[in-house]
Amino acid sequence: MQRDDGSRRPLQSAVALAYRNGEGAPKVVAKGRGLVAEQIIAVAAEAGVFVHESKELVSLLMDIDLDRQIPPTLYRVIAELLAWLYHIESAQKSGLLPPPPPDTSVPITTSHEEP
């Protein structure tokens, strides 16, 4: 992609997670860059799914194969993100202000390989 001034801009990336009761952890159900990322975000918006931006977290999630569960090293940050989303939904229903987003940074030394 190029901007009007001729400079290059990095492609946007997006990852979609899904969790179903009884599963051990959320799974990566969609991921991509560029137009695919834009479609993932658009589908989420149409479905009323909240989109959270975290370049570092997306980068780690991009390394996980499709239909694979997130690794244990990401459980905490994903759990905090899901809890925050729950609080946003509760605040919207009750007319309150939404809470600030959690810190979704992940230590650089974290290994995210599956056993």
PDB file of N, CA and C in Angstrom:
ATOM      1  N   MET A   1       0.842  -1.185   0.000  1.00  0.00           N
ATOM      2  CA  MET A   1       0.000   0.000   0.000  1.00  0.00           C
ATOM      3  C   MET A   1       0.879   1.239   0.000  1.00  0.00           C
ATOM      4  N   GLN A   2       0.458   2.237  -0.699  1.00  0.00           N
ATOM      5  CA  GLN A   2       1.195   3.482  -0.715  1.00  0.00           C
ATOM      6  C   GLN A   2       0.260   4.627  -0.355  1.00  0.00           C
ATOM      7  N   ARG A   3       0.814   5.573   0.349  1.00  0.00           N
ATOM      8  CA  ARG A   3       0.069   6.788   0.647  1.00  0.00           C
ATOM      9  C   ARG A   3       0.222   7.737  -0.532  1.00  0.00           C
ATOM     10  N   ASP A   4      -0.536   8.823  -0.526  1.00  0.00           N
ATOM     11  CA  ASP A   4      -0.453   9.806  -1.594  1.00  0.00           C
ATOM     12  C   ASP A   4       0.927  10.437  -1.685  1.00  0.00           C
ATOM     13  N   ASP A   5       1.639  10.525  -0.539  1.00  0.00           N
ATOM     14  CA  ASP A   5       2.968  11.140  -0.556  1.00  0.00           C
ATOM     15  C   ASP A   5       4.051  10.153  -1.004  1.00  0.00           C
ATOM     16  N   GLY A   6       3.669   8.926  -1.375  1.00  0.00           N
ATOM     17  CA  GLY A   6       4.618   7.946  -1.893  1.00  0.00           C
ATOM     18  C   GLY A   6       5.269   7.084  -0.833  1.00  0.00           C
ATOM     19  N   SER A   7       5.058   7.375   0.454  1.00  0.00           N
ATOM     20  CA  SER A   7       5.686   6.567   1.496  1.00  0.00           C
ATOM     21  C   SER A   7       4.897   5.281   1.721  1.00  0.00           C
ATOM     22  N   ARG A   8       5.587   4.266   2.151  1.00  0.00           N
ATOM     23  CA  ARG A   8       4.933   2.983   2.417  1.00  0.00           C
ATOM     24  C   ARG A   8       4.391   2.951   3.837  1.00  0.00           C
ATOM     25  N   ARG A   9       3.278   2.284   3.984  1.00  0.00           N
ATOM     26  CA  ARG A   9       2.643   2.127   5.285  1.00  0.00           C
ATOM     27  C   ARG A   9       2.515   0.625   5.517  1.00  0.00           C
ATOM     28  N   PRO A  10       2.824   0.147   6.722  1.00  0.00           N
ATOM     29  CA  PRO A  10       2.719  -1.298   6.957  1.00  0.00           C
ATOM     30  C   PRO A  10       1.277  -1.777   6.820  1.00  0.00           C
ATOM     31  N   LEU A  11       1.133  -2.999   6.335  1.00  0.00           N
ATOM     32  CA  LEU A  11      -0.195  -3.584   6.207  1.00  0.00           C
ATOM     33  C   LEU A  11      -0.798  -3.798   7.584  1.00  0.00           C
ATOM     34  N   GLN A  12      -2.075  -3.562   7.700  1.00  0.00           N
ATOM     35  CA  GLN A  12      -2.795  -3.800   8.944  1.00  0.00           C
ATOM     36  C   GLN A  12      -2.943  -5.309   9.130  1.00  0.00           C
ATOM     37  N   SER A  13      -2.862  -5.769  10.370  1.00  0.00           N
ATOM     38  CA  SER A  13      -3.073  -7.180  10.697  1.00  0.00           C
ATOM     39  C   SER A  13      -4.251  -7.295  11.643  1.00  0.00           C
ATOM     40  N   ALA A  14      -4.934  -8.431  11.570  1.00  0.00           N
ATOM     41  CA  ALA A  14      -6.062  -8.677  12.475  1.00  0.00           C
ATOM     42  C   ALA A  14      -6.145 -10.164  12.775  1.00  0.00           C
ATOM     43  N   VAL A  15      -6.564 -10.462  13.990  1.00  0.00           N
ATOM     44  CA  VAL A  15      -6.764 -11.837  14.435  1.00  0.00           C
ATOM     45  C   VAL A  15      -8.102 -11.902  15.157  1.00  0.00           C
ATOM     46  N   ALA A  16      -8.885 -12.931  14.853  1.00  0.00           N
ATOM     47  CA  ALA A  16     -10.162 -13.141  15.529  1.00  0.00           C
ATOM     48  C   ALA A  16     -10.051 -14.380  16.402  1.00  0.00           C
ATOM     49  N   LEU A  17     -10.521 -14.246  17.623  1.00  0.00           N
ATOM     50  CA  LEU A  17     -10.542 -15.363  18.567  1.00  0.00           C
ATOM     51  C   LEU A  17     -11.983 -15.750  18.852  1.00  0.00           C
ATOM     52  N   ALA A  18     -12.179 -17.023  19.155  1.00  0.00           N
ATOM     53  CA  ALA A  18     -13.501 -17.498  19.564  1.00  0.00           C
ATOM     54  C   ALA A  18     -13.314 -18.473  20.713  1.00  0.00           C
ATOM     55  N   TYR A  19     -14.272 -18.435  21.639  1.00  0.00           N
ATOM     56  CA  TYR A  19     -14.242 -19.369  22.765  1.00  0.00           C
ATOM     57  C   TYR A  19     -15.626 -19.979  22.919  1.00  0.00           C
ATOM     58  N   ARG A  20     -15.651 -21.276  23.081  1.00  0.00           N
ATOM     59  CA  ARG A  20     -16.900 -21.986  23.319  1.00  0.00           C
ATOM     60  C   ARG A  20     -16.798 -22.711  24.651  1.00  0.00           C
ATOM     61  N   ASN A  21     -17.903 -22.745  25.383  1.00  0.00           N
ATOM     62  CA  ASN A  21     -17.918 -23.451  26.668  1.00  0.00           C
ATOM     63  C   ASN A  21     -17.393 -24.864  26.495  1.00  0.00           C
ATOM     64  N   GLY A  22     -16.594 -25.292  27.434  1.00  0.00           N
ATOM     65  CA  GLY A  22     -16.059 -26.640  27.402  1.00  0.00           C
ATOM     66  C   GLY A  22     -14.704 -26.749  26.723  1.00  0.00           C
ATOM     67  N   GLU A  23     -14.306 -25.718  25.970  1.00  0.00           N
ATOM     68  CA  GLU A  23     -12.988 -25.729  25.351  1.00  0.00           C
ATOM     69  C   GLU A  23     -11.975 -25.226  26.365  1.00  0.00           C
ATOM     70  N   GLY A  24     -10.748 -25.685  26.231  1.00  0.00           N
ATOM     71  CA  GLY A  24      -9.707 -25.297  27.173  1.00  0.00           C
ATOM     72  C   GLY A  24      -9.326 -23.834  27.102  1.00  0.00           C
ATOM     73  N   ALA A  25      -9.318 -23.274  25.901  1.00  0.00           N
ATOM     74  CA  ALA A  25      -8.885 -21.889  25.720  1.00  0.00           C
ATOM     75  C   ALA A  25      -9.467 -21.354  24.413  1.00  0.00           C
ATOM     76  N   PRO A  26      -9.456 -20.030  24.253  1.00  0.00           N
ATOM     77  CA  PRO A  26      -9.914 -19.466  22.980  1.00  0.00           C
ATOM     78  C   PRO A  26      -9.057 -19.966  21.815  1.00  0.00           C
ATOM     79  N   LYS A  27      -9.669 -20.021  20.634  1.00  0.00           N
ATOM     80  CA  LYS A  27      -8.967 -20.448  19.426  1.00  0.00           C
ATOM     81  C   LYS A  27      -8.847 -19.281  18.451  1.00  0.00           C
ATOM     82  N   VAL A  28      -7.799 -19.341  17.630  1.00  0.00           N
ATOM     83  CA  VAL A  28      -7.649 -18.398  16.533  1.00  0.00           C
ATOM     84  C   VAL A  28      -8.546 -18.900  15.403  1.00  0.00           C
ATOM     85  N   VAL A  29      -9.569 -18.122  15.062  1.00  0.00           N
ATOM     86  CA  VAL A  29     -10.525 -18.554  14.038  1.00  0.00           C
ATOM     87  C   VAL A  29     -10.378 -17.793  12.723  1.00  0.00           C
ATOM     88  N   ALA A  30      -9.637 -16.696  12.730  1.00  0.00           N
ATOM     89  CA  ALA A  30      -9.358 -15.952  11.506  1.00  0.00           C
ATOM     90  C   ALA A  30      -8.145 -15.075  11.757  1.00  0.00           C
ATOM     91  N   LYS A  31      -7.348 -14.896  10.708  1.00  0.00           N
ATOM     92  CA  LYS A  31      -6.213 -13.984  10.816  1.00  0.00           C
ATOM     93  C   LYS A  31      -5.780 -13.595   9.414  1.00  0.00           C
ATOM     94  N   GLY A  32      -5.199 -12.409   9.309  1.00  0.00           N
ATOM     95  CA  GLY A  32      -4.731 -11.970   8.010  1.00  0.00           C
ATOM     96  C   GLY A  32      -4.189 -10.566   8.047  1.00  0.00           C
ATOM     97  N   ARG A  33      -3.655 -10.154   6.892  1.00  0.00           N
ATOM     98  CA  ARG A  33      -3.082  -8.816   6.729  1.00  0.00           C
ATOM     99  C   ARG A  33      -3.768  -8.123   5.554  1.00  0.00           C
ATOM    100  N   GLY A  34      -3.676  -6.810   5.550  1.00  0.00           N
ATOM    101  CA  GLY A  34      -4.201  -6.038   4.431  1.00  0.00           C
ATOM    102  C   GLY A  34      -5.704  -6.160   4.283  1.00  0.00           C
ATOM    103  N   LEU A  35      -6.137  -6.540   3.080  1.00  0.00           N
ATOM    104  CA  LEU A  35      -7.574  -6.640   2.810  1.00  0.00           C
ATOM    105  C   LEU A  35      -8.250  -7.689   3.677  1.00  0.00           C
ATOM    106  N   VAL A  36      -7.562  -8.797   3.942  1.00  0.00           N
ATOM    107  CA  VAL A  36      -8.139  -9.837   4.809  1.00  0.00           C
ATOM    108  C   VAL A  36      -8.360  -9.272   6.211  1.00  0.00           C
ATOM    109  N   ALA A  37      -7.391  -8.520   6.719  1.00  0.00           N
ATOM    110  CA  ALA A  37      -7.540  -7.899   8.041  1.00  0.00           C
ATOM    111  C   ALA A  37      -8.725  -6.939   8.055  1.00  0.00           C
ATOM    112  N   GLU A  38      -8.851  -6.145   6.994  1.00  0.00           N
ATOM    113  CA  GLU A  38      -9.975  -5.213   6.911  1.00  0.00           C
ATOM    114  C   GLU A  38     -11.307  -5.963   6.901  1.00  0.00           C
ATOM    115  N   GLN A  39     -11.358  -7.107   6.225  1.00  0.00           N
ATOM    116  CA  GLN A  39     -12.594  -7.897   6.197  1.00  0.00           C
ATOM    117  C   GLN A  39     -12.903  -8.487   7.569  1.00  0.00           C
ATOM    118  N   ILE A  40     -11.877  -8.967   8.267  1.00  0.00           N
ATOM    119  CA  ILE A  40     -12.079  -9.510   9.613  1.00  0.00           C
ATOM    120  C   ILE A  40     -12.679  -8.432  10.520  1.00  0.00           C
ATOM    121  N   ILE A  41     -12.118  -7.239  10.454  1.00  0.00           N
ATOM    122  CA  ILE A  41     -12.600  -6.129  11.288  1.00  0.00           C
ATOM    123  C   ILE A  41     -14.017  -5.730  10.887  1.00  0.00           C
ATOM    124  N   ALA A  42     -14.295  -5.705   9.595  1.00  0.00           N
ATOM    125  CA  ALA A  42     -15.636  -5.340   9.125  1.00  0.00           C
ATOM    126  C   ALA A  42     -16.677  -6.362   9.563  1.00  0.00           C
ATOM    127  N   VAL A  43     -16.355  -7.636   9.454  1.00  0.00           N
ATOM    128  CA  VAL A  43     -17.296  -8.687   9.877  1.00  0.00           C
ATOM    129  C   VAL A  43     -17.551  -8.583  11.379  1.00  0.00           C
ATOM    130  N   ALA A  44     -16.498  -8.330  12.147  1.00  0.00           N
ATOM    131  CA  ALA A  44     -16.666  -8.168  13.599  1.00  0.00           C
ATOM    132  C   ALA A  44     -17.580  -6.990  13.905  1.00  0.00           C
ATOM    133  N   ALA A  45     -17.354  -5.874  13.228  1.00  0.00           N
ATOM    134  CA  ALA A  45     -18.180  -4.685  13.460  1.00  0.00           C
ATOM    135  C   ALA A  45     -19.640  -4.953  13.099  1.00  0.00           C
ATOM    136  N   GLU A  46     -19.875  -5.629  11.980  1.00  0.00           N
ATOM    137  CA  GLU A  46     -21.248  -5.949  11.571  1.00  0.00           C
ATOM    138  C   GLU A  46     -21.939  -6.853  12.591  1.00  0.00           C
ATOM    139  N   ALA A  47     -21.167  -7.733  13.216  1.00  0.00           N
ATOM    140  CA  ALA A  47     -21.730  -8.662  14.191  1.00  0.00           C
ATOM    141  C   ALA A  47     -21.823  -8.049  15.587  1.00  0.00           C
ATOM    142  N   GLY A  48     -21.366  -6.811  15.731  1.00  0.00           N
ATOM    143  CA  GLY A  48     -21.403  -6.160  17.040  1.00  0.00           C
ATOM    144  C   GLY A  48     -20.313  -6.631  17.976  1.00  0.00           C
ATOM    145  N   VAL A  49     -19.259  -7.219  17.428  1.00  0.00           N
ATOM    146  CA  VAL A  49     -18.129  -7.696  18.233  1.00  0.00           C
ATOM    147  C   VAL A  49     -17.149  -6.546  18.397  1.00  0.00           C
ATOM    148  N   PHE A  50     -16.722  -6.328  19.619  1.00  0.00           N
ATOM    149  CA  PHE A  50     -15.788  -5.246  19.893  1.00  0.00           C
ATOM    150  C   PHE A  50     -14.416  -5.574  19.321  1.00  0.00           C
ATOM    151  N   VAL A  51     -13.763  -4.577  18.744  1.00  0.00           N
ATOM    152  CA  VAL A  51     -12.425  -4.734  18.179  1.00  0.00           C
ATOM    153  C   VAL A  51     -11.450  -3.974  19.063  1.00  0.00           C
ATOM    154  N   HIS A  52     -10.442  -4.687  19.565  1.00  0.00           N
ATOM    155  CA  HIS A  52      -9.415  -4.071  20.412  1.00  0.00           C
ATOM    156  C   HIS A  52      -8.111  -4.023  19.639  1.00  0.00           C
ATOM    157  N   GLU A  53      -7.425  -2.893  19.669  1.00  0.00           N
ATOM    158  CA  GLU A  53      -6.165  -2.735  18.958  1.00  0.00           C
ATOM    159  C   GLU A  53      -4.989  -2.923  19.903  1.00  0.00           C
ATOM    160  N   SER A  54      -4.142  -3.886  19.576  1.00  0.00           N
ATOM    161  CA  SER A  54      -2.901  -4.118  20.304  1.00  0.00           C
ATOM    162  C   SER A  54      -1.924  -4.771  19.332  1.00  0.00           C
ATOM    163  N   LYS A  55      -1.037  -3.958  18.762  1.00  0.00           N
ATOM    164  CA  LYS A  55      -0.104  -4.461  17.755  1.00  0.00           C
ATOM    165  C   LYS A  55       0.736  -5.619  18.286  1.00  0.00           C
ATOM    166  N   GLU A  56       1.209  -5.496  19.507  1.00  0.00           N
ATOM    167  CA  GLU A  56       2.061  -6.544  20.079  1.00  0.00           C
ATOM    168  C   GLU A  56       1.290  -7.854  20.230  1.00  0.00           C
ATOM    169  N   LEU A  57       0.074  -7.788  20.754  1.00  0.00           N
ATOM    170  CA  LEU A  57      -0.733  -8.984  20.950  1.00  0.00           C
ATOM    171  C   LEU A  57      -1.110  -9.613  19.606  1.00  0.00           C
ATOM    172  N   VAL A  58      -1.492  -8.788  18.646  1.00  0.00           N
ATOM    173  CA  VAL A  58      -1.826  -9.311  17.316  1.00  0.00           C
ATOM    174  C   VAL A  58      -0.610 -10.000  16.703  1.00  0.00           C
ATOM    175  N   SER A  59       0.552  -9.405  16.877  1.00  0.00           N
ATOM    176  CA  SER A  59       1.772 -10.010  16.339  1.00  0.00           C
ATOM    177  C   SER A  59       1.992 -11.410  16.907  1.00  0.00           C
ATOM    178  N   LEU A  60       1.795 -11.572  18.196  1.00  0.00           N
ATOM    179  CA  LEU A  60       1.950 -12.891  18.823  1.00  0.00           C
ATOM    180  C   LEU A  60       0.876 -13.864  18.342  1.00  0.00           C
ATOM    181  N   LEU A  61      -0.353 -13.376  18.227  1.00  0.00           N
ATOM    182  CA  LEU A  61      -1.453 -14.239  17.796  1.00  0.00           C
ATOM    183  C   LEU A  61      -1.329 -14.646  16.330  1.00  0.00           C
ATOM    184  N   MET A  62      -0.684 -13.822  15.514  1.00  0.00           N
ATOM    185  CA  MET A  62      -0.490 -14.166  14.105  1.00  0.00           C
ATOM    186  C   MET A  62       0.374 -15.413  13.944  1.00  0.00           C
ATOM    187  N   ASP A  63       1.205 -15.712  14.935  1.00  0.00           N
ATOM    188  CA  ASP A  63       2.075 -16.891  14.873  1.00  0.00           C
ATOM    189  C   ASP A  63       1.350 -18.196  15.187  1.00  0.00           C
ATOM    190  N   ILE A  64       0.110 -18.105  15.649  1.00  0.00           N
ATOM    191  CA  ILE A  64      -0.652 -19.301  16.015  1.00  0.00           C
ATOM    192  C   ILE A  64      -1.438 -19.776  14.795  1.00  0.00           C
ATOM    193  N   ASP A  65      -1.373 -21.064  14.524  1.00  0.00           N
ATOM    194  CA  ASP A  65      -2.103 -21.630  13.384  1.00  0.00           C
ATOM    195  C   ASP A  65      -3.610 -21.477  13.577  1.00  0.00           C
ATOM    196  N   LEU A  66      -4.324 -21.384  12.461  1.00  0.00           N
ATOM    197  CA  LEU A  66      -5.782 -21.315  12.512  1.00  0.00           C
ATOM    198  C   LEU A  66      -6.352 -22.550  13.205  1.00  0.00           C
ATOM    199  N   ASP A  67      -7.431 -22.347  13.924  1.00  0.00           N
ATOM    200  CA  ASP A  67      -8.146 -23.395  14.644  1.00  0.00           C
ATOM    201  C   ASP A  67      -7.320 -24.015  15.765  1.00  0.00           C
ATOM    202  N   ARG A  68      -6.303 -23.304  16.222  1.00  0.00           N
ATOM    203  CA  ARG A  68      -5.494 -23.751  17.357  1.00  0.00           C
ATOM    204  C   ARG A  68      -5.778 -22.853  18.550  1.00  0.00           C
ATOM    205  N   GLN A  69      -5.716 -23.441  19.739  1.00  0.00           N
ATOM    206  CA  GLN A  69      -5.939 -22.671  20.955  1.00  0.00           C
ATOM    207  C   GLN A  69      -4.749 -21.763  21.226  1.00  0.00           C
ATOM    208  N   ILE A  70      -5.044 -20.652  21.899  1.00  0.00           N
ATOM    209  CA  ILE A  70      -3.958 -19.765  22.292  1.00  0.00           C
ATOM    210  C   ILE A  70      -3.074 -20.506  23.292  1.00  0.00           C
ATOM    211  N   PRO A  71      -1.785 -20.210  23.330  1.00  0.00           N
ATOM    212  CA  PRO A  71      -0.893 -20.885  24.271  1.00  0.00           C
ATOM    213  C   PRO A  71      -1.096 -20.368  25.698  1.00  0.00           C
ATOM    214  N   PRO A  72      -0.734 -21.176  26.682  1.00  0.00           N
ATOM    215  CA  PRO A  72      -0.886 -20.764  28.086  1.00  0.00           C
ATOM    216  C   PRO A  72      -0.211 -19.442  28.425  1.00  0.00           C
ATOM    217  N   THR A  73       0.865 -19.090  27.722  1.00  0.00           N
ATOM    218  CA  THR A  73       1.552 -17.828  28.017  1.00  0.00           C
ATOM    219  C   THR A  73       0.682 -16.609  27.720  1.00  0.00           C
ATOM    220  N   LEU A  74      -0.383 -16.789  26.933  1.00  0.00           N
ATOM    221  CA  LEU A  74      -1.274 -15.665  26.608  1.00  0.00           C
ATOM    222  C   LEU A  74      -2.583 -15.702  27.381  1.00  0.00           C
ATOM    223  N   TYR A  75      -2.787 -16.715  28.216  1.00  0.00           N
ATOM    224  CA  TYR A  75      -4.044 -16.835  28.964  1.00  0.00           C
ATOM    225  C   TYR A  75      -4.360 -15.578  29.759  1.00  0.00           C
ATOM    226  N   ARG A  76      -3.382 -15.076  30.494  1.00  0.00           N
ATOM    227  CA  ARG A  76      -3.650 -13.949  31.395  1.00  0.00           C
ATOM    228  C   ARG A  76      -4.085 -12.705  30.623  1.00  0.00           C
ATOM    229  N   VAL A  77      -3.335 -12.343  29.588  1.00  0.00           N
ATOM    230  CA  VAL A  77      -3.663 -11.128  28.855  1.00  0.00           C
ATOM    231  C   VAL A  77      -5.012 -11.270  28.138  1.00  0.00           C
ATOM    232  N   ILE A  78      -5.311 -12.444  27.617  1.00  0.00           N
ATOM    233  CA  ILE A  78      -6.602 -12.653  26.945  1.00  0.00           C
ATOM    234  C   ILE A  78      -7.730 -12.649  27.976  1.00  0.00           C
ATOM    235  N   ALA A  79      -7.498 -13.246  29.142  1.00  0.00           N
ATOM    236  CA  ALA A  79      -8.521 -13.240  30.198  1.00  0.00           C
ATOM    237  C   ALA A  79      -8.823 -11.806  30.647  1.00  0.00           C
ATOM    238  N   GLU A  80      -7.784 -10.981  30.790  1.00  0.00           N
ATOM    239  CA  GLU A  80      -7.993  -9.583  31.179  1.00  0.00           C
ATOM    240  C   GLU A  80      -8.766  -8.831  30.096  1.00  0.00           C
ATOM    241  N   LEU A  81      -8.467  -9.123  28.852  1.00  0.00           N
ATOM    242  CA  LEU A  81      -9.170  -8.483  27.748  1.00  0.00           C
ATOM    243  C   LEU A  81     -10.642  -8.901  27.716  1.00  0.00           C
ATOM    244  N   LEU A  82     -10.902 -10.188  27.918  1.00  0.00           N
ATOM    245  CA  LEU A  82     -12.286 -10.670  27.945  1.00  0.00           C
ATOM    246  C   LEU A  82     -13.067 -10.088  29.128  1.00  0.00           C
ATOM    247  N   ALA A  83     -12.411  -9.985  30.291  1.00  0.00           N
ATOM    248  CA  ALA A  83     -13.066  -9.384  31.459  1.00  0.00           C
ATOM    249  C   ALA A  83     -13.397  -7.914  31.182  1.00  0.00           C
ATOM    250  N   TRP A  84     -12.478  -7.211  30.523  1.00  0.00           N
ATOM    251  CA  TRP A  84     -12.714  -5.804  30.171  1.00  0.00           C
ATOM    252  C   TRP A  84     -13.906  -5.696  29.228  1.00  0.00           C
ATOM    253  N   LEU A  85     -13.980  -6.585  28.236  1.00  0.00           N
ATOM    254  CA  LEU A  85     -15.109  -6.557  27.300  1.00  0.00           C
ATOM    255  C   LEU A  85     -16.430  -6.809  28.024  1.00  0.00           C
ATOM    256  N   TYR A  86     -16.416  -7.721  28.997  1.00  0.00           N
ATOM    257  CA  TYR A  86     -17.609  -7.987  29.796  1.00  0.00           C
ATOM    258  C   TYR A  86     -18.040  -6.715  30.537  1.00  0.00           C
ATOM    259  N   HIS A  87     -17.069  -5.986  31.093  1.00  0.00           N
ATOM    260  CA  HIS A  87     -17.377  -4.750  31.819  1.00  0.00           C
ATOM    261  C   HIS A  87     -17.901  -3.667  30.870  1.00  0.00           C
ATOM    262  N   ILE A  88     -17.383  -3.638  29.650  1.00  0.00           N
ATOM    263  CA  ILE A  88     -17.885  -2.675  28.660  1.00  0.00           C
ATOM    264  C   ILE A  88     -19.355  -2.962  28.370  1.00  0.00           C
ATOM    265  N   GLU A  89     -19.681  -4.231  28.125  1.00  0.00           N
ATOM    266  CA  GLU A  89     -21.069  -4.600  27.847  1.00  0.00           C
ATOM    267  C   GLU A  89     -21.979  -4.254  29.018  1.00  0.00           C
ATOM    268  N   SER A  90     -21.518  -4.522  30.242  1.00  0.00           N
ATOM    269  CA  SER A  90     -22.313  -4.204  31.432  1.00  0.00           C
ATOM    270  C   SER A  90     -22.524  -2.700  31.560  1.00  0.00           C
ATOM    271  N   ALA A  91     -21.474  -1.923  31.290  1.00  0.00           N
ATOM    272  CA  ALA A  91     -21.576  -0.467  31.380  1.00  0.00           C
ATOM    273  C   ALA A  91     -22.549   0.068  30.341  1.00  0.00           C
ATOM    274  N   GLN A  92     -22.509  -0.483  29.136  1.00  0.00           N
ATOM    275  CA  GLN A  92     -23.422  -0.034  28.084  1.00  0.00           C
ATOM    276  C   GLN A  92     -24.867  -0.316  28.464  1.00  0.00           C
ATOM    277  N   LYS A  93     -25.124  -1.472  29.043  1.00  0.00           N
ATOM    278  CA  LYS A  93     -26.491  -1.835  29.435  1.00  0.00           C
ATOM    279  C   LYS A  93     -27.015  -0.938  30.547  1.00  0.00           C
ATOM    280  N   SER A  94     -26.129  -0.520  31.442  1.00  0.00           N
ATOM    281  CA  SER A  94     -26.567   0.282  32.582  1.00  0.00           C
ATOM    282  C   SER A  94     -26.376   1.785  32.365  1.00  0.00           C
ATOM    283  N   GLY A  95     -25.838   2.167  31.186  1.00  0.00           N
ATOM    284  CA  GLY A  95     -25.670   3.584  30.893  1.00  0.00           C
ATOM    285  C   GLY A  95     -24.471   4.224  31.552  1.00  0.00           C
ATOM    286  N   LEU A  96     -23.542   3.433  32.054  1.00  0.00           N
ATOM    287  CA  LEU A  96     -22.338   3.960  32.701  1.00  0.00           C
ATOM    288  C   LEU A  96     -21.222   4.125  31.681  1.00  0.00           C
ATOM    289  N   LEU A  97     -20.182   4.863  32.076  1.00  0.00           N
ATOM    290  CA  LEU A  97     -19.013   5.003  31.213  1.00  0.00           C
ATOM    291  C   LEU A  97     -18.228   3.691  31.192  1.00  0.00           C
ATOM    292  N   PRO A  98     -17.687   3.315  30.030  1.00  0.00           N
ATOM    293  CA  PRO A  98     -16.911   2.074  29.967  1.00  0.00           C
ATOM    294  C   PRO A  98     -15.582   2.225  30.705  1.00  0.00           C
ATOM    295  N   PRO A  99     -15.055   1.128  31.219  1.00  0.00           N
ATOM    296  CA  PRO A  99     -13.777   1.177  31.926  1.00  0.00           C
ATOM    297  C   PRO A  99     -12.630   1.376  30.938  1.00  0.00           C
ATOM    298  N   PRO A 100     -11.472   1.854  31.418  1.00  0.00           N
ATOM    299  CA  PRO A 100     -10.323   2.001  30.528  1.00  0.00           C
ATOM    300  C   PRO A 100      -9.821   0.616  30.097  1.00  0.00           C
ATOM    301  N   PRO A 101      -9.183   0.534  28.938  1.00  0.00           N
ATOM    302  CA  PRO A 101      -8.701  -0.776  28.474  1.00  0.00           C
ATOM    303  C   PRO A 101      -7.571  -1.301  29.346  1.00  0.00           C
ATOM    304  N   PRO A 102      -7.436  -2.629  29.402  1.00  0.00           N
ATOM    305  CA  PRO A 102      -6.339  -3.214  30.179  1.00  0.00           C
ATOM    306  C   PRO A 102      -5.026  -3.060  29.419  1.00  0.00           C
ATOM    307  N   ASP A 103      -3.936  -3.263  30.120  1.00  0.00           N
ATOM    308  CA  ASP A 103      -2.624  -3.271  29.490  1.00  0.00           C
ATOM    309  C   ASP A 103      -2.464  -4.620  28.806  1.00  0.00           C
ATOM    310  N   THR A 104      -2.480  -4.634  27.490  1.00  0.00           N
ATOM    311  CA  THR A 104      -2.370  -5.902  26.765  1.00  0.00           C
ATOM    312  C   THR A 104      -0.956  -6.150  26.261  1.00  0.00           C
ATOM    313  N   SER A 105      -0.003  -5.434  26.852  1.00  0.00           N
ATOM    314  CA  SER A 105       1.374  -5.698  26.448  1.00  0.00           C
ATOM    315  C   SER A 105       1.807  -7.041  27.028  1.00  0.00           C
ATOM    316  N   VAL A 106       2.631  -7.708  26.298  1.00  0.00           N
ATOM    317  CA  VAL A 106       3.116  -9.024  26.696  1.00  0.00           C
ATOM    318  C   VAL A 106       4.626  -8.934  26.746  1.00  0.00           C
ATOM    319  N   PRO A 107       5.272  -9.487  27.790  1.00  0.00           N
ATOM    320  CA  PRO A 107       6.728  -9.403  27.860  1.00  0.00           C
ATOM    321  C   PRO A 107       7.358  -9.967  26.583  1.00  0.00           C
ATOM    322  N   ILE A 108       8.381  -9.272  26.096  1.00  0.00           N
ATOM    323  CA  ILE A 108       9.060  -9.683  24.864  1.00  0.00           C
ATOM    324  C   ILE A 108       9.681 -11.072  25.005  1.00  0.00           C
ATOM    325  N   THR A 109      10.070 -11.452  26.207  1.00  0.00           N
ATOM    326  CA  THR A 109      10.720 -12.740  26.419  1.00  0.00           C
ATOM    327  C   THR A 109       9.742 -13.899  26.472  1.00  0.00           C
ATOM    328  N   THR A 110       8.460 -13.610  26.365  1.00  0.00           N
ATOM    329  CA  THR A 110       7.444 -14.666  26.434  1.00  0.00           C
ATOM    330  C   THR A 110       7.570 -15.606  25.242  1.00  0.00           C
ATOM    331  N   SER A 111       7.590 -16.880  25.524  1.00  0.00           N
ATOM    332  CA  SER A 111       7.569 -17.875  24.455  1.00  0.00           C
ATOM    333  C   SER A 111       6.121 -18.202  24.160  1.00  0.00           C
ATOM    334  N   HIS A 112       5.770 -18.252  22.901  1.00  0.00           N
ATOM    335  CA  HIS A 112       4.386 -18.548  22.547  1.00  0.00           C
ATOM    336  C   HIS A 112       4.299 -19.774  21.653  1.00  0.00           C
ATOM    337  N   GLU A 113       5.235 -20.693  21.819  1.00  0.00           N
ATOM    338  CA  GLU A 113       5.189 -21.956  21.086  1.00  0.00           C
ATOM    339  C   GLU A 113       4.318 -22.934  21.824  1.00  0.00           C
ATOM    340  N   GLU A 114       3.626 -23.771  21.064  1.00  0.00           N
ATOM    341  CA  GLU A 114       2.791 -24.800  21.673  1.00  0.00           C
ATOM    342  C   GLU A 114       3.646 -26.010  21.971  1.00  0.00           C
ATOM    343  N   PRO A 115       3.339 -26.726  23.074  1.00  0.00           N
ATOM    344  CA  PRO A 115       4.134 -27.898  23.420  1.00  0.00           C
ATOM    345  C   PRO A 115       3.978 -28.992  22.391  1.00  0.00           C
TER     346      PRO A 115
END
